[in-house]
């Protein structure tokens, strides 16, 4: 995909970031997360990669349910990531980082 496509998406979600959880995290998202948690089967030491993590709600919820979970959330939007980092309830186990075109987030060092 072109860099222009990603740039447009980043700007779009940067604009929505401050109010995203208020406007879009409705009953639908809550039901979706609940349903996912009913069916997800993880190992004792799960490593989760959340692509398009947005404000980080799903990864935080997974970390709450699975105390040994380590996760990486990636997103195009700097402002969505700022929200995710601010709301991160599991700082020792979850990191959030910006992904760029043709970048492999799984190869990043947890540092």
PDB file of N, CA and C in Angstrom:
ATOM      1  N   UNK A   1       0.844  -1.179   0.000  1.00  0.00           N
ATOM      2  CA  UNK A   1       0.000   0.000   0.000  1.00  0.00           C
ATOM      3  C   UNK A   1       0.883   1.234   0.000  1.00  0.00           C
ATOM      4  N   UNK A   2       0.347   2.309  -0.489  1.00  0.00           N
ATOM      5  CA  UNK A   2       1.153   3.522  -0.616  1.00  0.00           C
ATOM      6  C   UNK A   2       1.303   4.243   0.718  1.00  0.00           C
ATOM      7  N   UNK A   3       2.380   4.993   0.807  1.00  0.00           N
ATOM      8  CA  UNK A   3       2.620   5.790   2.016  1.00  0.00           C
ATOM      9  C   UNK A   3       1.507   6.798   2.227  1.00  0.00           C
ATOM     10  N   UNK A   4       0.937   7.290   1.131  1.00  0.00           N
ATOM     11  CA  UNK A   4      -0.148   8.258   1.218  1.00  0.00           C
ATOM     12  C   UNK A   4      -1.362   7.647   1.925  1.00  0.00           C
ATOM     13  N   UNK A   5      -1.657   6.388   1.636  1.00  0.00           N
ATOM     14  CA  UNK A   5      -2.770   5.699   2.281  1.00  0.00           C
ATOM     15  C   UNK A   5      -2.580   5.689   3.798  1.00  0.00           C
ATOM     16  N   UNK A   6      -1.383   5.300   4.233  1.00  0.00           N
ATOM     17  CA  UNK A   6      -1.101   5.228   5.665  1.00  0.00           C
ATOM     18  C   UNK A   6      -1.099   6.610   6.306  1.00  0.00           C
ATOM     19  N   UNK A   7      -0.622   7.583   5.585  1.00  0.00           N
ATOM     20  CA  UNK A   7      -0.608   8.957   6.093  1.00  0.00           C
ATOM     21  C   UNK A   7      -2.029   9.471   6.315  1.00  0.00           C
ATOM     22  N   UNK A   8      -2.906   9.178   5.382  1.00  0.00           N
ATOM     23  CA  UNK A   8      -4.309   9.596   5.504  1.00  0.00           C
ATOM     24  C   UNK A   8      -4.963   8.896   6.697  1.00  0.00           C
ATOM     25  N   UNK A   9      -4.718   7.600   6.837  1.00  0.00           N
ATOM     26  CA  UNK A   9      -5.279   6.848   7.971  1.00  0.00           C
ATOM     27  C   UNK A   9      -4.752   7.384   9.300  1.00  0.00           C
ATOM     28  N   UNK A  10      -3.458   7.673   9.347  1.00  0.00           N
ATOM     29  CA  UNK A  10      -2.869   8.206  10.578  1.00  0.00           C
ATOM     30  C   UNK A  10      -3.527   9.524  10.962  1.00  0.00           C
ATOM     31  N   UNK A  11      -3.687  10.426  10.009  1.00  0.00           N
ATOM     32  CA  UNK A  11      -4.310  11.723  10.293  1.00  0.00           C
ATOM     33  C   UNK A  11      -5.758  11.550  10.750  1.00  0.00           C
ATOM     34  N   UNK A  12      -6.475  10.635  10.098  1.00  0.00           N
ATOM     35  CA  UNK A  12      -7.862  10.381  10.465  1.00  0.00           C
ATOM     36  C   UNK A  12      -7.969   9.938  11.926  1.00  0.00           C
ATOM     37  N   UNK A  13      -7.170   8.948  12.307  1.00  0.00           N
ATOM     38  CA  UNK A  13      -7.251   8.436  13.676  1.00  0.00           C
ATOM     39  C   UNK A  13      -6.629   9.387  14.690  1.00  0.00           C
ATOM     40  N   UNK A  14      -5.659  10.180  14.281  1.00  0.00           N
ATOM     41  CA  UNK A  14      -5.132  11.218  15.176  1.00  0.00           C
ATOM     42  C   UNK A  14      -6.236  12.201  15.562  1.00  0.00           C
ATOM     43  N   UNK A  15      -7.096  12.537  14.601  1.00  0.00           N
ATOM     44  CA  UNK A  15      -8.203  13.457  14.885  1.00  0.00           C
ATOM     45  C   UNK A  15      -9.214  12.848  15.862  1.00  0.00           C
ATOM     46  N   UNK A  16      -9.467  11.554  15.737  1.00  0.00           N
ATOM     47  CA  UNK A  16     -10.455  10.886  16.572  1.00  0.00           C
ATOM     48  C   UNK A  16      -9.929  10.483  17.941  1.00  0.00           C
ATOM     49  N   UNK A  17      -8.625  10.399  18.096  1.00  0.00           N
ATOM     50  CA  UNK A  17      -8.021   9.837  19.311  1.00  0.00           C
ATOM     51  C   UNK A  17      -8.541  10.416  20.629  1.00  0.00           C
ATOM     52  N   UNK A  18      -8.633  11.745  20.781  1.00  0.00           N
ATOM     53  CA  UNK A  18      -9.043  12.282  22.087  1.00  0.00           C
ATOM     54  C   UNK A  18     -10.432  11.826  22.542  1.00  0.00           C
ATOM     55  N   UNK A  19     -11.317  11.544  21.596  1.00  0.00           N
ATOM     56  CA  UNK A  19     -12.691  11.177  21.952  1.00  0.00           C
ATOM     57  C   UNK A  19     -13.077   9.774  21.511  1.00  0.00           C
ATOM     58  N   UNK A  20     -12.134   9.011  21.022  1.00  0.00           N
ATOM     59  CA  UNK A  20     -12.432   7.697  20.444  1.00  0.00           C
ATOM     60  C   UNK A  20     -13.151   6.776  21.431  1.00  0.00           C
ATOM     61  N   UNK A  21     -12.618   6.657  22.636  1.00  0.00           N
ATOM     62  CA  UNK A  21     -13.235   5.748  23.608  1.00  0.00           C
ATOM     63  C   UNK A  21     -14.632   6.200  24.022  1.00  0.00           C
ATOM     64  N   UNK A  22     -14.848   7.483  24.060  1.00  0.00           N
ATOM     65  CA  UNK A  22     -16.169   8.005  24.427  1.00  0.00           C
ATOM     66  C   UNK A  22     -17.177   7.747  23.312  1.00  0.00           C
ATOM     67  N   UNK A  23     -16.753   7.992  22.071  1.00  0.00           N
ATOM     68  CA  UNK A  23     -17.676   7.903  20.944  1.00  0.00           C
ATOM     69  C   UNK A  23     -17.844   6.490  20.388  1.00  0.00           C
ATOM     70  N   UNK A  24     -16.774   5.716  20.371  1.00  0.00           N
ATOM     71  CA  UNK A  24     -16.827   4.441  19.665  1.00  0.00           C
ATOM     72  C   UNK A  24     -16.753   3.210  20.553  1.00  0.00           C
ATOM     73  N   UNK A  25     -16.344   3.353  21.782  1.00  0.00           N
ATOM     74  CA  UNK A  25     -16.288   2.187  22.655  1.00  0.00           C
ATOM     75  C   UNK A  25     -17.636   2.040  23.333  1.00  0.00           C
ATOM     76  N   UNK A  26     -18.532   1.517  22.571  1.00  0.00           N
ATOM     77  CA  UNK A  26     -19.916   1.386  23.013  1.00  0.00           C
ATOM     78  C   UNK A  26     -20.191  -0.055  23.412  1.00  0.00           C
ATOM     79  N   UNK A  27     -21.435  -0.353  23.517  1.00  0.00           N
ATOM     80  CA  UNK A  27     -21.881  -1.702  23.847  1.00  0.00           C
ATOM     81  C   UNK A  27     -21.310  -2.710  22.848  1.00  0.00           C
ATOM     82  N   UNK A  28     -21.184  -2.306  21.585  1.00  0.00           N
ATOM     83  CA  UNK A  28     -20.644  -3.200  20.555  1.00  0.00           C
ATOM     84  C   UNK A  28     -19.242  -3.666  20.918  1.00  0.00           C
ATOM     85  N   UNK A  29     -18.360  -2.719  21.252  1.00  0.00           N
ATOM     86  CA  UNK A  29     -16.987  -3.081  21.603  1.00  0.00           C
ATOM     87  C   UNK A  29     -16.941  -3.926  22.873  1.00  0.00           C
ATOM     88  N   UNK A  30     -17.740  -3.569  23.844  1.00  0.00           N
ATOM     89  CA  UNK A  30     -17.763  -4.334  25.089  1.00  0.00           C
ATOM     90  C   UNK A  30     -18.211  -5.769  24.831  1.00  0.00           C
ATOM     91  N   UNK A  31     -19.231  -5.929  24.005  1.00  0.00           N
ATOM     92  CA  UNK A  31     -19.722  -7.267  23.673  1.00  0.00           C
ATOM     93  C   UNK A  31     -18.684  -8.046  22.868  1.00  0.00           C
ATOM     94  N   UNK A  32     -18.011  -7.374  21.958  1.00  0.00           N
ATOM     95  CA  UNK A  32     -16.976  -8.013  21.150  1.00  0.00           C
ATOM     96  C   UNK A  32     -15.820  -8.496  22.023  1.00  0.00           C
ATOM     97  N   UNK A  33     -15.365  -7.656  22.934  1.00  0.00           N
ATOM     98  CA  UNK A  33     -14.281  -8.040  23.841  1.00  0.00           C
ATOM     99  C   UNK A  33     -14.709  -9.207  24.730  1.00  0.00           C
ATOM    100  N   UNK A  34     -15.918  -9.143  25.258  1.00  0.00           N
ATOM    101  CA  UNK A  34     -16.415 -10.215  26.121  1.00  0.00           C
ATOM    102  C   UNK A  34     -16.461 -11.533  25.355  1.00  0.00           C
ATOM    103  N   UNK A  35     -16.950 -11.479  24.143  1.00  0.00           N
ATOM    104  CA  UNK A  35     -17.050 -12.690  23.304  1.00  0.00           C
ATOM    105  C   UNK A  35     -15.666 -13.254  23.001  1.00  0.00           C
ATOM    106  N   UNK A  36     -14.743 -12.382  22.685  1.00  0.00           N
ATOM    107  CA  UNK A  36     -13.375 -12.808  22.403  1.00  0.00           C
ATOM    108  C   UNK A  36     -12.764 -13.501  23.622  1.00  0.00           C
ATOM    109  N   UNK A  37     -12.964 -12.916  24.789  1.00  0.00           N
ATOM    110  CA  UNK A  37     -12.413 -13.496  26.016  1.00  0.00           C
ATOM    111  C   UNK A  37     -13.025 -14.860  26.339  1.00  0.00           C
ATOM    112  N   UNK A  38     -14.253 -15.096  25.901  1.00  0.00           N
ATOM    113  CA  UNK A  38     -14.886 -16.393  26.120  1.00  0.00           C
ATOM    114  C   UNK A  38     -14.225 -17.487  25.289  1.00  0.00           C
ATOM    115  N   UNK A  39     -13.676 -17.128  24.141  1.00  0.00           N
ATOM    116  CA  UNK A  39     -13.157 -18.129  23.218  1.00  0.00           C
ATOM    117  C   UNK A  39     -11.642 -18.187  23.113  1.00  0.00           C
ATOM    118  N   UNK A  40     -10.961 -17.181  23.612  1.00  0.00           N
ATOM    119  CA  UNK A  40      -9.511 -17.153  23.458  1.00  0.00           C
ATOM    120  C   UNK A  40      -8.863 -18.198  24.367  1.00  0.00           C
ATOM    121  N   UNK A  41      -7.925 -18.922  23.800  1.00  0.00           N
ATOM    122  CA  UNK A  41      -7.149 -19.900  24.566  1.00  0.00           C
ATOM    123  C   UNK A  41      -5.688 -19.523  24.418  1.00  0.00           C
ATOM    124  N   UNK A  42      -5.066 -19.168  25.521  1.00  0.00           N
ATOM    125  CA  UNK A  42      -3.671 -18.750  25.493  1.00  0.00           C
ATOM    126  C   UNK A  42      -2.823 -19.694  26.331  1.00  0.00           C
ATOM    127  N   UNK A  43      -1.552 -19.729  26.027  1.00  0.00           N
ATOM    128  CA  UNK A  43      -0.612 -20.546  26.789  1.00  0.00           C
ATOM    129  C   UNK A  43      -0.405 -19.934  28.170  1.00  0.00           C
ATOM    130  N   UNK A  44       0.406 -20.574  28.993  1.00  0.00           N
ATOM    131  CA  UNK A  44       0.695 -20.047  30.333  1.00  0.00           C
ATOM    132  C   UNK A  44       1.496 -18.755  30.292  1.00  0.00           C
ATOM    133  N   UNK A  45       2.302 -18.571  29.270  1.00  0.00           N
ATOM    134  CA  UNK A  45       3.132 -17.366  29.112  1.00  0.00           C
ATOM    135  C   UNK A  45       2.822 -16.728  27.754  1.00  0.00           C
ATOM    136  N   UNK A  46       1.610 -16.225  27.550  1.00  0.00           N
ATOM    137  CA  UNK A  46       1.242 -15.738  26.220  1.00  0.00           C
ATOM    138  C   UNK A  46       1.945 -14.438  25.836  1.00  0.00           C
ATOM    139  N   UNK A  47       2.303 -14.356  24.574  1.00  0.00           N
ATOM    140  CA  UNK A  47       2.801 -13.125  23.965  1.00  0.00           C
ATOM    141  C   UNK A  47       1.799 -12.737  22.895  1.00  0.00           C
ATOM    142  N   UNK A  48       1.233 -11.554  23.016  1.00  0.00           N
ATOM    143  CA  UNK A  48       0.174 -11.115  22.118  1.00  0.00           C
ATOM    144  C   UNK A  48       0.617  -9.879  21.354  1.00  0.00           C
ATOM    145  N   UNK A  49       0.350  -9.881  20.063  1.00  0.00           N
ATOM    146  CA  UNK A  49       0.590  -8.721  19.215  1.00  0.00           C
ATOM    147  C   UNK A  49      -0.766  -8.195  18.778  1.00  0.00           C
ATOM    148  N   UNK A  50      -1.083  -6.969  19.153  1.00  0.00           N
ATOM    149  CA  UNK A  50      -2.357  -6.344  18.808  1.00  0.00           C
ATOM    150  C   UNK A  50      -2.108  -5.328  17.702  1.00  0.00           C
ATOM    151  N   UNK A  51      -2.442  -5.703  16.473  1.00  0.00           N
ATOM    152  CA  UNK A  51      -2.259  -4.813  15.327  1.00  0.00           C
ATOM    153  C   UNK A  51      -3.440  -3.859  15.232  1.00  0.00           C
ATOM    154  N   UNK A  52      -3.151  -2.581  15.141  1.00  0.00           N
ATOM    155  CA  UNK A  52      -4.225  -1.594  15.129  1.00  0.00           C
ATOM    156  C   UNK A  52      -4.856  -1.484  16.501  1.00  0.00           C
ATOM    157  N   UNK A  53      -4.020  -1.384  17.520  1.00  0.00           N
ATOM    158  CA  UNK A  53      -4.471  -1.442  18.920  1.00  0.00           C
ATOM    159  C   UNK A  53      -5.292  -0.236  19.351  1.00  0.00           C
ATOM    160  N   UNK A  54      -5.227   0.853  18.600  1.00  0.00           N
ATOM    161  CA  UNK A  54      -5.993   2.033  18.985  1.00  0.00           C
ATOM    162  C   UNK A  54      -5.634   2.521  20.368  1.00  0.00           C
ATOM    163  N   UNK A  55      -6.620   2.662  21.218  1.00  0.00           N
ATOM    164  CA  UNK A  55      -6.396   3.183  22.569  1.00  0.00           C
ATOM    165  C   UNK A  55      -6.005   2.098  23.573  1.00  0.00           C
ATOM    166  N   UNK A  56      -5.802   0.880  23.105  1.00  0.00           N
ATOM    167  CA  UNK A  56      -5.269  -0.176  23.952  1.00  0.00           C
ATOM    168  C   UNK A  56      -6.249  -0.912  24.837  1.00  0.00           C
ATOM    169  N   UNK A  57      -7.516  -0.705  24.642  1.00  0.00           N
ATOM    170  CA  UNK A  57      -8.508  -1.312  25.546  1.00  0.00           C
ATOM    171  C   UNK A  57      -8.488  -2.837  25.527  1.00  0.00           C
ATOM    172  N   UNK A  58      -8.385  -3.426  24.349  1.00  0.00           N
ATOM    173  CA  UNK A  58      -8.417  -4.886  24.271  1.00  0.00           C
ATOM    174  C   UNK A  58      -7.185  -5.497  24.932  1.00  0.00           C
ATOM    175  N   UNK A  59      -6.027  -4.954  24.677  1.00  0.00           N
ATOM    176  CA  UNK A  59      -4.800  -5.498  25.264  1.00  0.00           C
ATOM    177  C   UNK A  59      -4.805  -5.359  26.787  1.00  0.00           C
ATOM    178  N   UNK A  60      -5.309  -4.244  27.293  1.00  0.00           N
ATOM    179  CA  UNK A  60      -5.444  -4.077  28.745  1.00  0.00           C
ATOM    180  C   UNK A  60      -6.398  -5.119  29.328  1.00  0.00           C
ATOM    181  N   UNK A  61      -7.466  -5.362  28.613  1.00  0.00           N
ATOM    182  CA  UNK A  61      -8.449  -6.333  29.094  1.00  0.00           C
ATOM    183  C   UNK A  61      -7.878  -7.751  29.088  1.00  0.00           C
ATOM    184  N   UNK A  62      -7.127  -8.080  28.038  1.00  0.00           N
ATOM    185  CA  UNK A  62      -6.482  -9.392  27.986  1.00  0.00           C
ATOM    186  C   UNK A  62      -5.477  -9.549  29.128  1.00  0.00           C
ATOM    187  N   UNK A  63      -4.708  -8.505  29.387  1.00  0.00           N
ATOM    188  CA  UNK A  63      -3.712  -8.547  30.465  1.00  0.00           C
ATOM    189  C   UNK A  63      -4.380  -8.707  31.825  1.00  0.00           C
ATOM    190  N   UNK A  64      -5.561  -8.160  31.964  1.00  0.00           N
ATOM    191  CA  UNK A  64      -6.318  -8.301  33.210  1.00  0.00           C
ATOM    192  C   UNK A  64      -6.755  -9.757  33.412  1.00  0.00           C
ATOM    193  N   UNK A  65      -7.157 -10.400  32.330  1.00  0.00           N
ATOM    194  CA  UNK A  65      -7.632 -11.785  32.393  1.00  0.00           C
ATOM    195  C   UNK A  65      -6.494 -12.804  32.482  1.00  0.00           C
ATOM    196  N   UNK A  66      -5.342 -12.457  31.907  1.00  0.00           N
ATOM    197  CA  UNK A  66      -4.207 -13.380  31.845  1.00  0.00           C
ATOM    198  C   UNK A  66      -2.996 -12.723  32.500  1.00  0.00           C
ATOM    199  N   UNK A  67      -2.748 -12.998  33.780  1.00  0.00           N
ATOM    200  CA  UNK A  67      -1.709 -12.303  34.544  1.00  0.00           C
ATOM    201  C   UNK A  67      -0.283 -12.498  34.035  1.00  0.00           C
ATOM    202  N   UNK A  68      -0.027 -13.530  33.235  1.00  0.00           N
ATOM    203  CA  UNK A  68       1.316 -13.744  32.697  1.00  0.00           C
ATOM    204  C   UNK A  68       1.472 -13.224  31.270  1.00  0.00           C
ATOM    205  N   UNK A  69       0.437 -12.609  30.751  1.00  0.00           N
ATOM    206  CA  UNK A  69       0.470 -12.110  29.380  1.00  0.00           C
ATOM    207  C   UNK A  69       1.462 -10.964  29.224  1.00  0.00           C
ATOM    208  N   UNK A  70       2.204 -11.015  28.133  1.00  0.00           N
ATOM    209  CA  UNK A  70       3.039  -9.892  27.709  1.00  0.00           C
ATOM    210  C   UNK A  70       2.502  -9.492  26.343  1.00  0.00           C
ATOM    211  N   UNK A  71       2.349  -8.198  26.133  1.00  0.00           N
ATOM    212  CA  UNK A  71       1.747  -7.766  24.888  1.00  0.00           C
ATOM    213  C   UNK A  71       2.418  -6.567  24.268  1.00  0.00           C
ATOM    214  N   UNK A  72       2.285  -6.500  22.963  1.00  0.00           N
ATOM    215  CA  UNK A  72       2.740  -5.350  22.196  1.00  0.00           C
ATOM    216  C   UNK A  72       1.568  -4.858  21.369  1.00  0.00           C
ATOM    217  N   UNK A  73       1.231  -3.604  21.540  1.00  0.00           N
ATOM    218  CA  UNK A  73       0.196  -2.986  20.735  1.00  0.00           C
ATOM    219  C   UNK A  73       0.844  -2.033  19.750  1.00  0.00           C
ATOM    220  N   UNK A  74       0.453  -2.131  18.499  1.00  0.00           N
ATOM    221  CA  UNK A  74       1.000  -1.239  17.477  1.00  0.00           C
ATOM    222  C   UNK A  74      -0.136  -0.545  16.748  1.00  0.00           C
ATOM    223  N   UNK A  75       0.138   0.668  16.327  1.00  0.00           N
ATOM    224  CA  UNK A  75      -0.866   1.452  15.626  1.00  0.00           C
ATOM    225  C   UNK A  75      -0.166   2.472  14.744  1.00  0.00           C
ATOM    226  N   UNK A  76      -0.871   2.963  13.738  1.00  0.00           N
ATOM    227  CA  UNK A  76      -0.354   4.022  12.870  1.00  0.00           C
ATOM    228  C   UNK A  76      -0.433   5.389  13.531  1.00  0.00           C
ATOM    229  N   UNK A  77      -1.411   5.564  14.391  1.00  0.00           N
ATOM    230  CA  UNK A  77      -1.723   6.874  14.954  1.00  0.00           C
ATOM    231  C   UNK A  77      -0.930   7.172  16.226  1.00  0.00           C
ATOM    232  N   UNK A  78      -0.130   8.206  16.167  1.00  0.00           N
ATOM    233  CA  UNK A  78       0.647   8.642  17.327  1.00  0.00           C
ATOM    234  C   UNK A  78      -0.270   9.027  18.478  1.00  0.00           C
ATOM    235  N   UNK A  79      -1.371   9.664  18.163  1.00  0.00           N
ATOM    236  CA  UNK A  79      -2.282  10.123  19.214  1.00  0.00           C
ATOM    237  C   UNK A  79      -3.085   8.978  19.827  1.00  0.00           C
ATOM    238  N   UNK A  80      -3.416   7.977  19.040  1.00  0.00           N
ATOM    239  CA  UNK A  80      -4.058   6.786  19.611  1.00  0.00           C
ATOM    240  C   UNK A  80      -3.086   6.101  20.566  1.00  0.00           C
ATOM    241  N   UNK A  81      -1.829   6.017  20.166  1.00  0.00           N
ATOM    242  CA  UNK A  81      -0.818   5.396  21.021  1.00  0.00           C
ATOM    243  C   UNK A  81      -0.608   6.183  22.304  1.00  0.00           C
ATOM    244  N   UNK A  82      -0.692   7.494  22.224  1.00  0.00           N
ATOM    245  CA  UNK A  82      -0.569   8.319  23.434  1.00  0.00           C
ATOM    246  C   UNK A  82      -1.699   7.980  24.407  1.00  0.00           C
ATOM    247  N   UNK A  83      -2.905   7.798  23.875  1.00  0.00           N
ATOM    248  CA  UNK A  83      -4.039   7.402  24.715  1.00  0.00           C
ATOM    249  C   UNK A  83      -3.796   6.015  25.324  1.00  0.00           C
ATOM    250  N   UNK A  84      -3.308   5.089  24.505  1.00  0.00           N
ATOM    251  CA  UNK A  84      -3.051   3.724  24.984  1.00  0.00           C
ATOM    252  C   UNK A  84      -2.006   3.724  26.093  1.00  0.00           C
ATOM    253  N   UNK A  85      -0.948   4.487  25.907  1.00  0.00           N
ATOM    254  CA  UNK A  85       0.111   4.536  26.925  1.00  0.00           C
ATOM    255  C   UNK A  85      -0.401   5.153  28.219  1.00  0.00           C
ATOM    256  N   UNK A  86      -1.218   6.186  28.089  1.00  0.00           N
ATOM    257  CA  UNK A  86      -1.767   6.858  29.269  1.00  0.00           C
ATOM    258  C   UNK A  86      -2.685   5.917  30.053  1.00  0.00           C
ATOM    259  N   UNK A  87      -3.424   5.077  29.347  1.00  0.00           N
ATOM    260  CA  UNK A  87      -4.395   4.187  29.988  1.00  0.00           C
ATOM    261  C   UNK A  87      -3.815   2.811  30.318  1.00  0.00           C
ATOM    262  N   UNK A  88      -2.541   2.611  30.033  1.00  0.00           N
ATOM    263  CA  UNK A  88      -1.908   1.310  30.230  1.00  0.00           C
ATOM    264  C   UNK A  88      -1.866   0.955  31.716  1.00  0.00           C
ATOM    265  N   UNK A  89      -2.609  -0.051  32.094  1.00  0.00           N
ATOM    266  CA  UNK A  89      -2.680  -0.492  33.487  1.00  0.00           C
ATOM    267  C   UNK A  89      -1.661  -1.587  33.801  1.00  0.00           C
ATOM    268  N   UNK A  90      -0.904  -2.005  32.803  1.00  0.00           N
ATOM    269  CA  UNK A  90       0.023  -3.126  32.962  1.00  0.00           C
ATOM    270  C   UNK A  90       1.368  -2.780  32.333  1.00  0.00           C
ATOM    271  N   UNK A  91       1.964  -1.691  32.789  1.00  0.00           N
ATOM    272  CA  UNK A  91       3.177  -1.150  32.169  1.00  0.00           C
ATOM    273  C   UNK A  91       4.357  -2.115  32.135  1.00  0.00           C
ATOM    274  N   UNK A  92       4.431  -3.019  33.073  1.00  0.00           N
ATOM    275  CA  UNK A  92       5.541  -3.975  33.085  1.00  0.00           C
ATOM    276  C   UNK A  92       5.374  -5.054  32.016  1.00  0.00           C
ATOM    277  N   UNK A  93       4.146  -5.214  31.528  1.00  0.00           N
ATOM    278  CA  UNK A  93       3.878  -6.326  30.612  1.00  0.00           C
ATOM    279  C   UNK A  93       3.400  -5.911  29.232  1.00  0.00           C
ATOM    280  N   UNK A  94       2.988  -4.667  29.081  1.00  0.00           N
ATOM    281  CA  UNK A  94       2.449  -4.209  27.798  1.00  0.00           C
ATOM    282  C   UNK A  94       3.213  -2.984  27.326  1.00  0.00           C
ATOM    283  N   UNK A  95       3.558  -2.996  26.045  1.00  0.00           N
ATOM    284  CA  UNK A  95       4.165  -1.813  25.434  1.00  0.00           C
ATOM    285  C   UNK A  95       3.348  -1.435  24.201  1.00  0.00           C
ATOM    286  N   UNK A  96       3.409  -0.171  23.878  1.00  0.00           N
ATOM    287  CA  UNK A  96       2.730   0.345  22.694  1.00  0.00           C
ATOM    288  C   UNK A  96       3.748   1.078  21.839  1.00  0.00           C
ATOM    289  N   UNK A  97       3.689   0.834  20.538  1.00  0.00           N
ATOM    290  CA  UNK A  97       4.624   1.507  19.650  1.00  0.00           C
ATOM    291  C   UNK A  97       4.006   1.768  18.287  1.00  0.00           C
ATOM    292  N   UNK A  98       4.571   2.732  17.633  1.00  0.00           N
ATOM    293  CA  UNK A  98       4.103   3.139  16.308  1.00  0.00           C
ATOM    294  C   UNK A  98       4.657   2.177  15.270  1.00  0.00           C
ATOM    295  N   UNK A  99       3.799   1.793  14.364  1.00  0.00           N
ATOM    296  CA  UNK A  99       4.250   0.940  13.264  1.00  0.00           C
ATOM    297  C   UNK A  99       4.299   1.779  11.995  1.00  0.00           C
ATOM    298  N   UNK A 100       5.282   1.494  11.222  1.00  0.00           N
ATOM    299  CA  UNK A 100       5.435   2.180   9.947  1.00  0.00           C
ATOM    300  C   UNK A 100       5.332   1.145   8.837  1.00  0.00           C
ATOM    301  N   UNK A 101       5.061   1.601   7.654  1.00  0.00           N
ATOM    302  CA  UNK A 101       4.962   0.720   6.506  1.00  0.00           C
ATOM    303  C   UNK A 101       6.220  -0.140   6.385  1.00  0.00           C
ATOM    304  N   UNK A 102       6.014  -1.425   6.143  1.00  0.00           N
ATOM    305  CA  UNK A 102       7.092  -2.407   5.950  1.00  0.00           C
ATOM    306  C   UNK A 102       7.943  -2.651   7.190  1.00  0.00           C
ATOM    307  N   UNK A 103       7.395  -2.413   8.346  1.00  0.00           N
ATOM    308  CA  UNK A 103       8.127  -2.642   9.582  1.00  0.00           C
ATOM    309  C   UNK A 103       7.542  -3.870  10.273  1.00  0.00           C
ATOM    310  N   UNK A 104       8.371  -4.660  10.897  1.00  0.00           N
ATOM    311  CA  UNK A 104       7.927  -5.860  11.590  1.00  0.00           C
ATOM    312  C   UNK A 104       7.955  -5.618  13.097  1.00  0.00           C
ATOM    313  N   UNK A 105       6.799  -5.383  13.746  1.00  0.00           N
ATOM    314  CA  UNK A 105       6.780  -5.081  15.175  1.00  0.00           C
ATOM    315  C   UNK A 105       7.224  -6.245  16.046  1.00  0.00           C
ATOM    316  N   UNK A 106       7.092  -7.455  15.562  1.00  0.00           N
ATOM    317  CA  UNK A 106       7.468  -8.616  16.373  1.00  0.00           C
ATOM    318  C   UNK A 106       8.975  -8.706  16.575  1.00  0.00           C
ATOM    319  N   UNK A 107       9.745  -8.035  15.729  1.00  0.00           N
ATOM    320  CA  UNK A 107      11.199  -8.107  15.847  1.00  0.00           C
ATOM    321  C   UNK A 107      11.765  -7.043  16.776  1.00  0.00           C
ATOM    322  N   UNK A 108      10.931  -6.159  17.289  1.00  0.00           N
ATOM    323  CA  UNK A 108      11.391  -5.076  18.173  1.00  0.00           C
ATOM    324  C   UNK A 108      11.812  -5.626  19.526  1.00  0.00           C
ATOM    325  N   UNK A 109      12.810  -4.998  20.104  1.00  0.00           N
ATOM    326  CA  UNK A 109      13.284  -5.366  21.439  1.00  0.00           C
ATOM    327  C   UNK A 109      12.359  -4.742  22.477  1.00  0.00           C
ATOM    328  N   UNK A 110      12.008  -5.470  23.508  1.00  0.00           N
ATOM    329  CA  UNK A 110      11.129  -4.959  24.569  1.00  0.00           C
ATOM    330  C   UNK A 110      11.850  -3.979  25.464  1.00  0.00           C
ATOM    331  N   UNK A 111      13.184  -3.936  25.389  1.00  0.00           N
ATOM    332  CA  UNK A 111      14.035  -3.002  26.106  1.00  0.00           C
ATOM    333  C   UNK A 111      13.598  -2.620  27.409  1.00  0.00           C
TER     334      UNK A 111
END
